[in-house]
Amino acid sequence: MMSIHKEGRATILIALIFSVIVWWLFGMFLPGLMWLGYIVIVFILITVLQFFRNPRRPAPTVDENIVTAPADGKIVVIEKVMEGEVFRQERLMISIFMSPTNVHVNRNPVSGKVLINRYHPGKYLAAWNPKSSTENERTTVVYQHPKAEVMIRQVAGALARRIVNYLHEGDEAKRGQEMGFIKFGSRVDIYLPLNAEVLIDMDQVVKGNVTGIARLS
């Protein structure tokens, strides 16, 4: 079942107003090219609606130690990194790149208490740039899972200019529930303990709340 996400309401209204303006301009000044105006209008509306689509994703029923993908997209990083903001030690990082055509709803990858929720203003480097994880606008969230602390970062990209995060420190998050939204292309980084078992491969396409990306030991 598909619906339109609440974060798209204002954008859809703007798109409708712009479509009316396009229709009026073509009707007044280019009536012979009205067919082109209709193509522009349909393209705008389809693009906006598909971006803010929100497919129903039931809560995963797999083992609670499975870390599920927090977003739809493509796996672009699986590597050990020195995490310098929270843990200040090596962690296993898995990054999911979301193109403008992906569903942009973000979901909790694990259940647990929200220990940290920090917003950082920053740059808008391309989401595939390695520096985007530490220099771009981003939100850092740390969950206290019974097995380990799990951290994710919502990272803005070159087009994304708004990160939405619904969590608060102290919340009891449930795996699979919506935790935020990033507009117009971005990435989500997941930081896991080094002994986590990776369940995905590089360049694999994953679905939020569906694909298991790792197992906590």
N, C-alpha and C. Protein backbone atom coordinates (compact mmCIF):
# COMPACT_ATOMS: atom_id res chain seq x y z
N MET A 1 0.85 -1.20 0.00
CA MET A 1 0.00 0.00 0.00
C MET A 1 0.88 1.25 0.00
N MET A 2 0.53 2.23 -0.82
CA MET A 2 1.34 3.43 -0.98
C MET A 2 0.57 4.65 -0.53
N SER A 3 1.27 5.57 0.13
CA SER A 3 0.68 6.85 0.50
C SER A 3 1.72 7.93 0.25
N ILE A 4 1.32 9.19 0.46
CA ILE A 4 2.24 10.32 0.30
C ILE A 4 2.66 10.77 1.69
N HIS A 5 3.97 10.93 1.89
CA HIS A 5 4.49 11.29 3.20
C HIS A 5 4.09 12.72 3.57
N LYS A 6 3.88 12.94 4.87
CA LYS A 6 3.46 14.25 5.35
C LYS A 6 4.48 15.34 5.05
N GLU A 7 5.76 14.97 4.92
CA GLU A 7 6.79 15.98 4.65
C GLU A 7 6.65 16.56 3.24
N GLY A 8 5.83 15.93 2.41
CA GLY A 8 5.69 16.42 1.04
C GLY A 8 4.53 17.38 0.83
N ARG A 9 3.73 17.63 1.86
CA ARG A 9 2.53 18.44 1.67
C ARG A 9 2.83 19.83 1.12
N ALA A 10 3.77 20.54 1.74
CA ALA A 10 4.09 21.90 1.29
C ALA A 10 4.67 21.89 -0.11
N THR A 11 5.57 20.93 -0.38
CA THR A 11 6.19 20.85 -1.71
C THR A 11 5.16 20.54 -2.78
N ILE A 12 4.23 19.64 -2.48
CA ILE A 12 3.19 19.29 -3.44
C ILE A 12 2.29 20.50 -3.71
N LEU A 13 1.96 21.27 -2.69
CA LEU A 13 1.15 22.48 -2.87
C LEU A 13 1.86 23.47 -3.79
N ILE A 14 3.17 23.65 -3.56
CA ILE A 14 3.96 24.55 -4.42
C ILE A 14 3.97 24.04 -5.86
N ALA A 15 4.12 22.72 -6.01
CA ALA A 15 4.13 22.13 -7.35
C ALA A 15 2.80 22.35 -8.06
N LEU A 16 1.70 22.25 -7.32
CA LEU A 16 0.37 22.47 -7.91
C LEU A 16 0.21 23.93 -8.35
N ILE A 17 0.66 24.85 -7.50
CA ILE A 17 0.57 26.27 -7.85
C ILE A 17 1.42 26.56 -9.08
N PHE A 18 2.63 26.01 -9.10
CA PHE A 18 3.51 26.21 -10.25
C PHE A 18 2.90 25.62 -11.52
N SER A 19 2.24 24.48 -11.38
CA SER A 19 1.60 23.84 -12.54
C SER A 19 0.48 24.71 -13.10
N VAL A 20 -0.28 25.33 -12.21
CA VAL A 20 -1.35 26.24 -12.66
C VAL A 20 -0.75 27.43 -13.41
N ILE A 21 0.36 27.96 -12.89
CA ILE A 21 1.03 29.08 -13.56
C ILE A 21 1.52 28.68 -14.94
N VAL A 22 2.13 27.48 -15.05
CA VAL A 22 2.60 26.99 -16.34
C VAL A 22 1.43 26.85 -17.31
N TRP A 23 0.33 26.27 -16.84
CA TRP A 23 -0.86 26.11 -17.68
C TRP A 23 -1.37 27.46 -18.17
N TRP A 24 -1.41 28.45 -17.29
CA TRP A 24 -1.90 29.79 -17.66
C TRP A 24 -0.97 30.45 -18.67
N LEU A 25 0.34 30.36 -18.44
CA LEU A 25 1.31 30.99 -19.34
C LEU A 25 1.24 30.40 -20.74
N PHE A 26 1.16 29.07 -20.83
CA PHE A 26 1.07 28.44 -22.15
C PHE A 26 -0.26 28.80 -22.82
N GLY A 27 -1.34 28.82 -22.03
CA GLY A 27 -2.64 29.16 -22.60
C GLY A 27 -2.71 30.59 -23.12
N MET A 28 -2.03 31.53 -22.44
CA MET A 28 -2.06 32.93 -22.81
C MET A 28 -1.09 33.26 -23.94
N PHE A 29 0.11 32.73 -23.88
CA PHE A 29 1.17 33.17 -24.79
C PHE A 29 1.62 32.11 -25.81
N LEU A 30 1.39 30.83 -25.51
CA LEU A 30 1.83 29.77 -26.42
C LEU A 30 0.73 28.72 -26.60
N PRO A 31 -0.45 29.15 -27.00
CA PRO A 31 -1.56 28.18 -27.11
C PRO A 31 -1.27 27.06 -28.10
N GLY A 32 -0.46 27.34 -29.11
CA GLY A 32 -0.13 26.30 -30.08
C GLY A 32 0.77 25.23 -29.52
N LEU A 33 1.42 25.53 -28.39
CA LEU A 33 2.31 24.57 -27.74
C LEU A 33 1.74 24.07 -26.42
N MET A 34 0.42 24.13 -26.31
CA MET A 34 -0.22 23.72 -25.05
C MET A 34 0.13 22.28 -24.69
N TRP A 35 0.35 21.44 -25.71
CA TRP A 35 0.72 20.05 -25.45
C TRP A 35 2.03 19.97 -24.65
N LEU A 36 2.96 20.91 -24.97
CA LEU A 36 4.22 20.94 -24.25
C LEU A 36 4.00 21.36 -22.79
N GLY A 37 3.09 22.31 -22.60
CA GLY A 37 2.75 22.72 -21.23
C GLY A 37 2.21 21.58 -20.41
N TYR A 38 1.36 20.74 -21.02
CA TYR A 38 0.81 19.59 -20.30
C TYR A 38 1.91 18.59 -19.94
N ILE A 39 2.87 18.41 -20.85
CA ILE A 39 3.98 17.51 -20.56
C ILE A 39 4.79 18.01 -19.37
N VAL A 40 5.06 19.34 -19.34
CA VAL A 40 5.81 19.93 -18.22
C VAL A 40 5.05 19.73 -16.92
N ILE A 41 3.75 19.97 -16.94
CA ILE A 41 2.93 19.84 -15.72
C ILE A 41 2.93 18.40 -15.21
N VAL A 42 2.72 17.44 -16.11
CA VAL A 42 2.68 16.03 -15.71
C VAL A 42 4.04 15.60 -15.16
N PHE A 43 5.12 16.05 -15.80
CA PHE A 43 6.46 15.70 -15.34
C PHE A 43 6.69 16.23 -13.92
N ILE A 44 6.34 17.49 -13.67
CA ILE A 44 6.53 18.08 -12.34
C ILE A 44 5.76 17.30 -11.28
N LEU A 45 4.49 17.04 -11.55
CA LEU A 45 3.64 16.38 -10.55
C LEU A 45 4.08 14.95 -10.29
N ILE A 46 4.41 14.21 -11.33
CA ILE A 46 4.86 12.82 -11.15
C ILE A 46 6.18 12.79 -10.36
N THR A 47 7.10 13.70 -10.69
CA THR A 47 8.40 13.73 -10.00
C THR A 47 8.22 14.00 -8.52
N VAL A 48 7.40 14.98 -8.18
CA VAL A 48 7.19 15.34 -6.77
C VAL A 48 6.48 14.22 -6.03
N LEU A 49 5.44 13.66 -6.63
CA LEU A 49 4.66 12.62 -5.96
C LEU A 49 5.49 11.36 -5.73
N GLN A 50 6.31 10.97 -6.73
CA GLN A 50 7.11 9.76 -6.55
C GLN A 50 8.18 9.97 -5.49
N PHE A 51 8.69 11.20 -5.38
CA PHE A 51 9.73 11.45 -4.38
C PHE A 51 9.18 11.31 -2.97
N PHE A 52 7.96 11.76 -2.75
CA PHE A 52 7.38 11.74 -1.40
C PHE A 52 6.50 10.51 -1.16
N ARG A 53 6.64 9.49 -1.99
CA ARG A 53 5.85 8.28 -1.76
C ARG A 53 6.31 7.61 -0.48
N ASN A 54 5.37 6.97 0.18
CA ASN A 54 5.67 6.34 1.47
C ASN A 54 5.04 4.96 1.51
N PRO A 55 5.72 3.94 0.98
CA PRO A 55 5.14 2.60 0.96
C PRO A 55 5.00 2.04 2.37
N ARG A 56 3.94 1.31 2.58
CA ARG A 56 3.74 0.69 3.90
C ARG A 56 4.76 -0.42 4.08
N ARG A 57 5.50 -0.35 5.17
CA ARG A 57 6.52 -1.37 5.46
C ARG A 57 6.25 -1.92 6.87
N PRO A 58 5.63 -3.08 6.98
CA PRO A 58 5.36 -3.67 8.31
C PRO A 58 6.65 -3.85 9.10
N ALA A 59 6.54 -3.79 10.41
CA ALA A 59 7.70 -3.99 11.27
C ALA A 59 8.33 -5.35 10.99
N PRO A 60 9.66 -5.41 10.86
CA PRO A 60 10.32 -6.69 10.55
C PRO A 60 10.12 -7.69 11.68
N THR A 61 10.00 -8.96 11.31
CA THR A 61 9.77 -10.02 12.31
C THR A 61 11.01 -10.88 12.53
N VAL A 62 12.14 -10.49 11.93
CA VAL A 62 13.36 -11.27 12.10
C VAL A 62 13.95 -11.03 13.49
N ASP A 63 14.98 -11.81 13.80
CA ASP A 63 15.70 -11.71 15.07
C ASP A 63 15.99 -10.25 15.44
N GLU A 64 15.77 -9.88 16.70
CA GLU A 64 15.99 -8.50 17.15
C GLU A 64 17.45 -8.09 17.06
N ASN A 65 18.35 -9.05 16.89
CA ASN A 65 19.77 -8.71 16.74
C ASN A 65 20.13 -8.33 15.30
N ILE A 66 19.17 -8.44 14.40
CA ILE A 66 19.38 -8.04 13.02
C ILE A 66 19.20 -6.52 12.90
N VAL A 67 20.19 -5.87 12.30
CA VAL A 67 20.10 -4.44 12.01
C VAL A 67 19.50 -4.31 10.61
N THR A 68 18.32 -3.70 10.51
CA THR A 68 17.67 -3.56 9.22
C THR A 68 18.08 -2.23 8.57
N ALA A 69 17.99 -2.18 7.26
CA ALA A 69 18.36 -0.96 6.54
C ALA A 69 17.46 0.19 6.98
N PRO A 70 18.06 1.34 7.34
CA PRO A 70 17.25 2.49 7.75
C PRO A 70 16.70 3.28 6.57
N ALA A 71 17.12 2.92 5.35
CA ALA A 71 16.69 3.67 4.17
C ALA A 71 16.78 2.80 2.94
N ASP A 72 16.05 3.20 1.89
CA ASP A 72 16.18 2.57 0.58
C ASP A 72 17.41 3.15 -0.11
N GLY A 73 18.08 2.35 -0.91
CA GLY A 73 19.21 2.88 -1.66
C GLY A 73 20.23 1.82 -1.99
N LYS A 74 21.44 2.28 -2.27
CA LYS A 74 22.53 1.42 -2.71
C LYS A 74 23.67 1.46 -1.69
N ILE A 75 24.21 0.29 -1.37
CA ILE A 75 25.34 0.21 -0.44
C ILE A 75 26.59 0.73 -1.15
N VAL A 76 27.17 1.81 -0.61
CA VAL A 76 28.34 2.41 -1.26
C VAL A 76 29.60 2.32 -0.39
N VAL A 77 29.45 1.98 0.89
CA VAL A 77 30.61 1.84 1.77
C VAL A 77 30.38 0.69 2.74
N ILE A 78 31.38 -0.19 2.87
CA ILE A 78 31.45 -1.18 3.95
C ILE A 78 32.91 -1.21 4.37
N GLU A 79 33.24 -0.56 5.46
CA GLU A 79 34.65 -0.49 5.84
C GLU A 79 34.82 -0.12 7.32
N LYS A 80 35.99 -0.40 7.85
CA LYS A 80 36.34 0.04 9.19
C LYS A 80 36.79 1.50 9.12
N VAL A 81 36.28 2.32 10.04
CA VAL A 81 36.67 3.74 10.06
C VAL A 81 36.90 4.15 11.52
N MET A 82 37.64 5.23 11.69
CA MET A 82 37.78 5.81 13.01
C MET A 82 36.64 6.80 13.21
N GLU A 83 35.72 6.47 14.10
CA GLU A 83 34.57 7.34 14.36
C GLU A 83 34.98 8.33 15.44
N GLY A 84 35.03 9.61 15.10
CA GLY A 84 35.61 10.59 16.01
C GLY A 84 34.64 11.46 16.77
N GLU A 85 33.35 11.34 16.51
CA GLU A 85 32.40 12.22 17.20
C GLU A 85 31.90 11.64 18.52
N VAL A 86 31.51 10.39 18.51
CA VAL A 86 30.88 9.77 19.69
C VAL A 86 31.76 8.70 20.31
N PHE A 87 32.11 7.67 19.54
CA PHE A 87 32.82 6.52 20.08
C PHE A 87 34.33 6.76 20.21
N ARG A 88 34.88 7.56 19.30
CA ARG A 88 36.32 7.85 19.28
C ARG A 88 37.15 6.56 19.23
N GLN A 89 36.69 5.65 18.41
CA GLN A 89 37.40 4.39 18.19
C GLN A 89 36.93 3.81 16.86
N GLU A 90 37.56 2.73 16.43
CA GLU A 90 37.18 2.13 15.16
C GLU A 90 35.79 1.51 15.24
N ARG A 91 35.06 1.71 14.16
CA ARG A 91 33.73 1.13 14.00
C ARG A 91 33.58 0.61 12.58
N LEU A 92 32.65 -0.29 12.39
CA LEU A 92 32.30 -0.75 11.06
C LEU A 92 31.23 0.19 10.49
N MET A 93 31.54 0.83 9.38
CA MET A 93 30.59 1.77 8.77
C MET A 93 29.99 1.17 7.51
N ILE A 94 28.67 1.25 7.42
CA ILE A 94 27.93 0.86 6.22
C ILE A 94 27.15 2.09 5.76
N SER A 95 27.33 2.47 4.50
CA SER A 95 26.66 3.67 3.99
C SER A 95 25.68 3.31 2.89
N ILE A 96 24.51 3.93 2.96
CA ILE A 96 23.46 3.74 1.95
C ILE A 96 23.26 5.07 1.23
N PHE A 97 23.45 5.07 -0.09
CA PHE A 97 23.22 6.27 -0.89
C PHE A 97 21.80 6.25 -1.43
N MET A 98 21.08 7.35 -1.20
CA MET A 98 19.71 7.48 -1.69
C MET A 98 19.70 8.46 -2.86
N SER A 99 19.33 7.98 -4.03
CA SER A 99 19.20 8.87 -5.19
C SER A 99 17.83 9.56 -5.11
N PRO A 100 17.62 10.60 -5.92
CA PRO A 100 16.31 11.28 -5.90
C PRO A 100 15.13 10.36 -6.24
N THR A 101 15.39 9.20 -6.85
CA THR A 101 14.29 8.30 -7.20
C THR A 101 13.95 7.31 -6.09
N ASN A 102 14.75 7.25 -5.03
CA ASN A 102 14.50 6.33 -3.92
C ASN A 102 13.44 6.88 -2.97
N VAL A 103 12.83 5.97 -2.22
CA VAL A 103 12.00 6.38 -1.08
C VAL A 103 12.91 7.03 -0.06
N HIS A 104 12.51 8.20 0.46
CA HIS A 104 13.41 8.95 1.35
C HIS A 104 12.97 8.95 2.81
N VAL A 105 12.05 8.06 3.16
CA VAL A 105 11.69 7.87 4.55
C VAL A 105 12.83 7.13 5.25
N ASN A 106 13.20 7.57 6.45
CA ASN A 106 14.23 6.89 7.25
C ASN A 106 13.56 6.19 8.42
N ARG A 107 14.04 4.97 8.72
CA ARG A 107 13.43 4.15 9.77
C ARG A 107 14.48 3.67 10.76
N ASN A 108 14.06 3.43 12.00
CA ASN A 108 14.99 2.94 13.01
C ASN A 108 15.54 1.58 12.59
N PRO A 109 16.87 1.41 12.60
CA PRO A 109 17.45 0.13 12.21
C PRO A 109 17.43 -0.92 13.33
N VAL A 110 17.29 -0.45 14.57
CA VAL A 110 17.23 -1.35 15.74
C VAL A 110 16.23 -0.77 16.74
N SER A 111 15.86 -1.58 17.70
CA SER A 111 15.08 -1.09 18.84
C SER A 111 16.04 -0.73 19.97
N GLY A 112 15.68 0.26 20.76
CA GLY A 112 16.51 0.63 21.89
C GLY A 112 16.31 2.08 22.30
N LYS A 113 16.87 2.43 23.43
CA LYS A 113 16.78 3.80 23.94
C LYS A 113 17.66 4.73 23.12
N VAL A 114 17.13 5.92 22.81
CA VAL A 114 17.90 6.92 22.08
C VAL A 114 18.81 7.65 23.07
N LEU A 115 20.11 7.39 22.97
CA LEU A 115 21.07 8.01 23.89
C LEU A 115 21.49 9.39 23.42
N ILE A 116 21.64 9.55 22.11
CA ILE A 116 22.14 10.81 21.55
C ILE A 116 21.33 11.15 20.31
N ASN A 117 20.99 12.42 20.18
CA ASN A 117 20.35 12.92 18.96
C ASN A 117 20.86 14.34 18.75
N ARG A 118 21.81 14.50 17.82
CA ARG A 118 22.47 15.79 17.60
C ARG A 118 22.32 16.24 16.16
N TYR A 119 22.02 17.51 15.99
CA TYR A 119 21.99 18.11 14.65
C TYR A 119 23.25 18.93 14.43
N HIS A 120 23.86 18.79 13.25
CA HIS A 120 25.06 19.54 12.91
C HIS A 120 24.84 20.30 11.60
N PRO A 121 24.88 21.62 11.60
CA PRO A 121 24.86 22.34 10.33
C PRO A 121 26.16 22.06 9.58
N GLY A 122 26.16 22.25 8.28
CA GLY A 122 27.39 21.96 7.54
C GLY A 122 27.27 22.26 6.07
N LYS A 123 28.17 21.65 5.30
CA LYS A 123 28.23 21.88 3.86
C LYS A 123 27.21 21.00 3.13
N TYR A 124 27.22 21.10 1.80
CA TYR A 124 26.34 20.28 0.96
C TYR A 124 27.16 19.64 -0.15
N LEU A 125 28.21 18.91 0.26
CA LEU A 125 29.01 18.17 -0.70
C LEU A 125 28.17 17.04 -1.28
N ALA A 126 28.57 16.55 -2.44
CA ALA A 126 27.87 15.40 -3.02
C ALA A 126 27.86 14.25 -2.02
N ALA A 127 26.74 13.55 -1.92
CA ALA A 127 26.56 12.52 -0.89
C ALA A 127 27.57 11.39 -1.01
N TRP A 128 28.10 11.15 -2.22
CA TRP A 128 29.09 10.05 -2.35
C TRP A 128 30.50 10.49 -1.97
N ASN A 129 30.71 11.76 -1.68
CA ASN A 129 32.00 12.25 -1.24
C ASN A 129 32.29 11.75 0.18
N PRO A 130 33.42 11.08 0.42
CA PRO A 130 33.72 10.56 1.77
C PRO A 130 33.67 11.62 2.86
N LYS A 131 33.99 12.88 2.52
CA LYS A 131 33.98 13.94 3.51
C LYS A 131 32.57 14.36 3.92
N SER A 132 31.56 13.94 3.15
CA SER A 132 30.19 14.38 3.46
C SER A 132 29.74 13.87 4.83
N SER A 133 30.26 12.72 5.28
CA SER A 133 29.84 12.15 6.57
C SER A 133 30.22 13.02 7.75
N THR A 134 31.28 13.82 7.59
CA THR A 134 31.76 14.64 8.71
C THR A 134 31.66 16.14 8.45
N GLU A 135 31.45 16.54 7.18
CA GLU A 135 31.43 17.96 6.87
C GLU A 135 30.07 18.49 6.43
N ASN A 136 29.19 17.61 5.97
CA ASN A 136 27.87 18.06 5.51
C ASN A 136 26.91 18.28 6.67
N GLU A 137 25.80 18.94 6.38
CA GLU A 137 24.71 19.00 7.35
C GLU A 137 24.29 17.57 7.67
N ARG A 138 24.09 17.27 8.95
CA ARG A 138 23.82 15.88 9.33
C ARG A 138 23.17 15.82 10.71
N THR A 139 22.59 14.68 10.99
CA THR A 139 22.03 14.39 12.31
C THR A 139 22.61 13.06 12.78
N THR A 140 23.11 13.03 14.01
CA THR A 140 23.69 11.83 14.59
C THR A 140 22.75 11.25 15.64
N VAL A 141 22.44 9.97 15.53
CA VAL A 141 21.57 9.29 16.50
C VAL A 141 22.27 8.03 17.00
N VAL A 142 22.28 7.84 18.31
CA VAL A 142 22.85 6.63 18.91
C VAL A 142 21.75 5.88 19.66
N TYR A 143 21.60 4.59 19.33
CA TYR A 143 20.62 3.72 19.98
C TYR A 143 21.35 2.78 20.94
N GLN A 144 20.76 2.56 22.12
CA GLN A 144 21.29 1.57 23.04
C GLN A 144 20.54 0.26 22.84
N HIS A 145 21.08 -0.59 21.98
CA HIS A 145 20.53 -1.92 21.77
C HIS A 145 21.10 -2.83 22.86
N PRO A 146 20.38 -3.88 23.28
CA PRO A 146 20.91 -4.78 24.32
C PRO A 146 22.29 -5.35 24.02
N LYS A 147 22.62 -5.52 22.73
CA LYS A 147 23.91 -6.09 22.36
C LYS A 147 25.01 -5.05 22.21
N ALA A 148 24.65 -3.84 21.79
CA ALA A 148 25.68 -2.84 21.50
C ALA A 148 25.02 -1.50 21.22
N GLU A 149 25.84 -0.45 21.24
CA GLU A 149 25.37 0.87 20.81
C GLU A 149 25.51 0.96 19.30
N VAL A 150 24.45 1.38 18.66
CA VAL A 150 24.40 1.50 17.20
C VAL A 150 24.16 2.97 16.86
N MET A 151 24.94 3.50 15.94
CA MET A 151 24.81 4.90 15.56
C MET A 151 24.47 5.02 14.08
N ILE A 152 23.58 5.96 13.75
CA ILE A 152 23.35 6.28 12.35
C ILE A 152 23.47 7.79 12.16
N ARG A 153 23.86 8.16 10.96
CA ARG A 153 23.91 9.57 10.58
C ARG A 153 23.05 9.78 9.36
N GLN A 154 22.13 10.72 9.45
CA GLN A 154 21.42 11.20 8.26
C GLN A 154 22.29 12.33 7.69
N VAL A 155 22.72 12.17 6.45
CA VAL A 155 23.65 13.12 5.84
C VAL A 155 23.00 13.79 4.64
N ALA A 156 22.97 15.12 4.64
CA ALA A 156 22.44 15.85 3.49
C ALA A 156 23.39 15.73 2.32
N GLY A 157 22.85 15.79 1.10
CA GLY A 157 23.67 15.74 -0.10
C GLY A 157 23.71 17.10 -0.77
N ALA A 158 24.13 17.11 -2.05
CA ALA A 158 24.26 18.36 -2.80
C ALA A 158 22.90 19.01 -3.03
N LEU A 159 21.85 18.18 -3.15
CA LEU A 159 20.51 18.72 -3.38
C LEU A 159 19.68 18.77 -2.12
N ALA A 160 19.96 17.86 -1.18
CA ALA A 160 19.16 17.82 0.04
C ALA A 160 19.45 19.04 0.91
N ARG A 161 18.43 19.79 1.24
CA ARG A 161 18.60 20.98 2.05
C ARG A 161 17.75 20.95 3.32
N ARG A 162 17.24 19.78 3.62
CA ARG A 162 16.46 19.68 4.85
C ARG A 162 16.48 18.26 5.36
N ILE A 163 16.99 18.09 6.58
CA ILE A 163 16.96 16.81 7.26
C ILE A 163 15.89 16.90 8.35
N VAL A 164 14.98 15.95 8.35
CA VAL A 164 13.94 15.90 9.38
C VAL A 164 14.22 14.72 10.29
N ASN A 165 14.14 14.94 11.59
CA ASN A 165 14.38 13.87 12.57
C ASN A 165 13.31 13.95 13.64
N TYR A 166 12.63 12.83 13.87
CA TYR A 166 11.50 12.81 14.81
C TYR A 166 11.87 12.33 16.21
N LEU A 167 13.11 11.92 16.42
CA LEU A 167 13.50 11.32 17.70
C LEU A 167 13.94 12.38 18.71
N HIS A 168 13.90 11.98 19.98
CA HIS A 168 14.41 12.81 21.07
C HIS A 168 15.23 11.91 22.00
N GLU A 169 16.23 12.47 22.62
CA GLU A 169 17.02 11.70 23.57
C GLU A 169 16.13 11.18 24.70
N GLY A 170 16.28 9.91 25.01
CA GLY A 170 15.45 9.27 26.03
C GLY A 170 14.29 8.47 25.46
N ASP A 171 13.98 8.67 24.17
CA ASP A 171 12.90 7.90 23.54
C ASP A 171 13.24 6.42 23.50
N GLU A 172 12.22 5.58 23.59
CA GLU A 172 12.38 4.15 23.37
C GLU A 172 11.98 3.87 21.92
N ALA A 173 12.96 3.76 21.07
CA ALA A 173 12.71 3.58 19.65
C ALA A 173 12.39 2.12 19.33
N LYS A 174 11.55 1.91 18.35
CA LYS A 174 11.20 0.57 17.89
C LYS A 174 11.73 0.38 16.47
N ARG A 175 12.38 -0.75 16.25
CA ARG A 175 12.92 -1.04 14.93
C ARG A 175 11.80 -0.99 13.90
N GLY A 176 12.07 -0.29 12.80
CA GLY A 176 11.10 -0.22 11.71
C GLY A 176 10.22 1.01 11.73
N GLN A 177 10.10 1.68 12.88
CA GLN A 177 9.29 2.89 12.92
C GLN A 177 10.02 4.05 12.24
N GLU A 178 9.26 4.99 11.69
CA GLU A 178 9.85 6.16 11.06
C GLU A 178 10.63 6.98 12.07
N MET A 179 11.86 7.37 11.69
CA MET A 179 12.66 8.24 12.55
C MET A 179 13.00 9.56 11.87
N GLY A 180 12.72 9.67 10.56
CA GLY A 180 13.02 10.92 9.90
C GLY A 180 12.82 10.85 8.40
N PHE A 181 13.29 11.91 7.74
CA PHE A 181 13.12 12.05 6.29
C PHE A 181 14.21 12.99 5.80
N ILE A 182 14.79 12.69 4.62
CA ILE A 182 15.77 13.59 4.02
C ILE A 182 15.30 13.91 2.61
N LYS A 183 15.28 15.20 2.26
CA LYS A 183 14.73 15.59 0.97
C LYS A 183 15.78 15.67 -0.13
N PHE A 184 15.45 15.07 -1.28
CA PHE A 184 16.18 15.27 -2.54
C PHE A 184 17.61 14.74 -2.57
N GLY A 185 17.78 13.46 -2.30
CA GLY A 185 19.08 12.82 -2.49
C GLY A 185 20.01 13.00 -1.30
N SER A 186 20.57 11.92 -0.80
CA SER A 186 21.35 12.00 0.44
C SER A 186 21.94 10.63 0.75
N ARG A 187 22.41 10.46 1.99
CA ARG A 187 22.91 9.15 2.41
C ARG A 187 22.67 8.96 3.89
N VAL A 188 22.68 7.70 4.30
CA VAL A 188 22.59 7.35 5.71
C VAL A 188 23.76 6.44 6.02
N ASP A 189 24.53 6.78 7.06
CA ASP A 189 25.67 5.98 7.51
C ASP A 189 25.28 5.25 8.80
N ILE A 190 25.63 3.97 8.87
CA ILE A 190 25.38 3.16 10.06
C ILE A 190 26.72 2.74 10.64
N TYR A 191 26.92 2.97 11.94
CA TYR A 191 28.17 2.61 12.61
C TYR A 191 27.90 1.47 13.60
N LEU A 192 28.60 0.37 13.39
CA LEU A 192 28.37 -0.85 14.17
C LEU A 192 29.66 -1.29 14.85
N PRO A 193 29.56 -2.12 15.89
CA PRO A 193 30.78 -2.69 16.48
C PRO A 193 31.52 -3.54 15.46
N LEU A 194 32.83 -3.66 15.64
CA LEU A 194 33.65 -4.36 14.66
C LEU A 194 33.30 -5.84 14.52
N ASN A 195 32.68 -6.42 15.55
CA ASN A 195 32.36 -7.85 15.48
C ASN A 195 30.98 -8.12 14.88
N ALA A 196 30.32 -7.08 14.39
CA ALA A 196 29.02 -7.28 13.74
C ALA A 196 29.20 -8.08 12.46
N GLU A 197 28.27 -8.99 12.19
CA GLU A 197 28.32 -9.80 10.97
C GLU A 197 27.61 -9.06 9.84
N VAL A 198 28.33 -8.75 8.79
CA VAL A 198 27.76 -8.04 7.64
C VAL A 198 26.95 -9.00 6.78
N LEU A 199 25.74 -8.59 6.43
CA LEU A 199 24.84 -9.45 5.68
C LEU A 199 24.60 -8.98 4.25
N ILE A 200 25.26 -7.89 3.86
CA ILE A 200 25.05 -7.34 2.51
C ILE A 200 26.39 -7.18 1.80
N ASP A 201 26.34 -6.83 0.53
CA ASP A 201 27.54 -6.66 -0.28
C ASP A 201 27.59 -5.25 -0.84
N MET A 202 28.77 -4.83 -1.27
CA MET A 202 28.92 -3.55 -1.94
C MET A 202 28.04 -3.49 -3.18
N ASP A 203 27.47 -2.33 -3.42
CA ASP A 203 26.62 -2.05 -4.58
C ASP A 203 25.26 -2.75 -4.52
N GLN A 204 24.98 -3.44 -3.43
CA GLN A 204 23.68 -4.08 -3.30
C GLN A 204 22.60 -3.02 -3.07
N VAL A 205 21.45 -3.20 -3.68
CA VAL A 205 20.31 -2.31 -3.46
C VAL A 205 19.51 -2.86 -2.29
N VAL A 206 19.23 -1.99 -1.31
CA VAL A 206 18.52 -2.43 -0.11
C VAL A 206 17.23 -1.65 0.06
N LYS A 207 16.33 -2.20 0.84
CA LYS A 207 15.06 -1.54 1.15
C LYS A 207 14.97 -1.29 2.64
N GLY A 208 14.59 -0.06 2.99
CA GLY A 208 14.42 0.28 4.39
C GLY A 208 13.38 -0.57 5.06
N ASN A 209 13.71 -1.08 6.24
CA ASN A 209 12.80 -1.89 7.05
C ASN A 209 12.57 -3.29 6.49
N VAL A 210 13.28 -3.63 5.41
CA VAL A 210 13.11 -4.93 4.79
C VAL A 210 14.42 -5.71 4.78
N THR A 211 15.49 -5.08 4.29
CA THR A 211 16.77 -5.76 4.15
C THR A 211 17.56 -5.77 5.45
N GLY A 212 17.98 -6.95 5.88
CA GLY A 212 18.89 -7.04 7.03
C GLY A 212 20.29 -6.75 6.57
N ILE A 213 20.96 -5.78 7.18
CA ILE A 213 22.30 -5.39 6.72
C ILE A 213 23.41 -5.95 7.61
N ALA A 214 23.07 -6.29 8.86
CA ALA A 214 24.09 -6.83 9.76
C ALA A 214 23.42 -7.56 10.92
N ARG A 215 24.22 -8.40 11.60
CA ARG A 215 23.75 -9.09 12.80
C ARG A 215 24.69 -8.73 13.94
N LEU A 216 24.11 -8.27 15.07
CA LEU A 216 24.90 -7.92 16.24
C LEU A 216 25.23 -9.17 17.03
N SER A 217 26.47 -9.33 17.42
CA SER A 217 26.91 -10.52 18.16
C SER A 217 26.56 -10.37 19.64
